[in-house]
């Protein structure tokens, strides 16, 4: 089984592979192929805010999503920051 994606789809592939491995009997059959799935989260020159994180937060608000990421390590790190 191959989980693949490009750009934002690559980010989704990174995030969902662990979850998909938990769903199958043999996690070793799940492979990930990604291309260009890195987005730099740095501050903007004009506002000093972290643009990528802000855009993702706004997307979740727009979609009215109260779901956690399937990436357990990410959920744990953001909960510690609250």
Protein backbone atom coordinates (compact mmCIF):
# COMPACT_ATOMS: atom_id res chain seq x y z
CA UNK A 1 0.00 0.00 0.00
CA UNK A 2 1.40 3.38 -0.99
CA UNK A 3 0.37 6.70 0.53
CA UNK A 4 1.50 9.43 -1.89
CA UNK A 5 1.07 13.13 -2.41
CA UNK A 6 2.53 16.32 -3.84
CA UNK A 7 2.74 19.71 -2.10
CA UNK A 8 -0.14 19.91 0.42
CA UNK A 9 -0.99 16.31 -0.47
CA UNK A 10 2.53 15.36 0.58
CA UNK A 11 1.92 16.98 3.98
CA UNK A 12 -1.27 14.93 4.29
CA UNK A 13 0.68 11.81 3.36
CA UNK A 14 3.22 12.54 6.10
CA UNK A 15 0.44 13.06 8.61
CA UNK A 16 -1.77 10.08 7.74
CA UNK A 17 0.81 7.32 7.20
CA UNK A 18 1.14 6.48 10.91
CA UNK A 19 -2.64 6.30 11.26
CA UNK A 20 -2.99 4.08 8.19
CA UNK A 21 -0.26 1.78 9.54
CA UNK A 22 -2.32 1.38 12.72
CA UNK A 23 -5.32 0.23 10.68
CA UNK A 24 -3.65 -2.64 8.79
CA UNK A 25 -2.53 -6.02 10.09
CA UNK A 26 1.04 -5.59 8.83
CA UNK A 27 2.22 -1.96 9.07
CA UNK A 28 5.32 -2.79 7.02
CA UNK A 29 3.19 -2.97 3.86
CA UNK A 30 2.48 0.79 4.06
CA UNK A 31 4.98 3.02 2.24
CA UNK A 32 5.00 6.77 1.74
CA UNK A 33 6.10 8.66 -1.37
CA UNK A 34 6.03 12.44 -1.16
CA UNK A 35 7.17 15.35 -3.31
CA UNK A 36 7.49 18.98 -2.23
CA UNK A 37 5.62 18.69 1.05
CA UNK A 38 7.64 21.19 3.05
CA UNK A 39 6.23 24.60 3.94
CA UNK A 40 8.45 26.99 5.86
CA UNK A 41 6.69 28.51 8.85
CA UNK A 42 8.61 31.72 9.38
CA UNK A 43 7.53 35.17 10.44
CA UNK A 44 6.33 37.69 7.88
CA UNK A 45 8.21 40.94 7.43
CA UNK A 46 5.12 43.12 7.71
CA UNK A 47 3.29 41.60 10.70
CA UNK A 48 5.82 39.35 12.41
CA UNK A 49 3.22 36.55 12.53
CA UNK A 50 3.84 32.96 11.48
CA UNK A 51 2.02 32.89 8.14
CA UNK A 52 1.79 29.13 7.51
CA UNK A 53 0.47 28.39 11.01
CA UNK A 54 -1.99 31.29 10.74
CA UNK A 55 -3.28 30.07 7.36
CA UNK A 56 -3.76 26.55 8.74
CA UNK A 57 -5.57 27.86 11.82
CA UNK A 58 -7.86 29.95 9.61
CA UNK A 59 -8.56 26.94 7.39
CA UNK A 60 -9.67 24.91 10.41
CA UNK A 61 -11.87 27.78 11.61
CA UNK A 62 -13.39 28.15 8.15
CA UNK A 63 -14.11 24.42 7.96
CA UNK A 64 -15.35 24.46 11.57
CA UNK A 65 -13.01 21.55 12.26
CA UNK A 66 -12.36 20.62 15.86
CA UNK A 67 -10.41 17.50 14.97
CA UNK A 68 -6.87 16.72 15.97
CA UNK A 69 -4.23 15.81 13.46
CA UNK A 70 -3.71 12.06 12.91
CA UNK A 71 -0.06 12.74 13.76
CA UNK A 72 0.11 11.92 17.48
CA UNK A 73 3.48 13.58 18.03
CA UNK A 74 2.12 16.86 16.62
CA UNK A 75 -0.97 16.75 18.83
CA UNK A 76 1.17 16.14 21.91
CA UNK A 77 3.54 19.00 21.14
CA UNK A 78 0.75 21.53 20.54
CA UNK A 79 -1.07 20.50 23.71
CA UNK A 80 2.08 21.12 25.74
CA UNK A 81 2.28 24.62 24.25
CA UNK A 82 -1.20 25.60 25.51
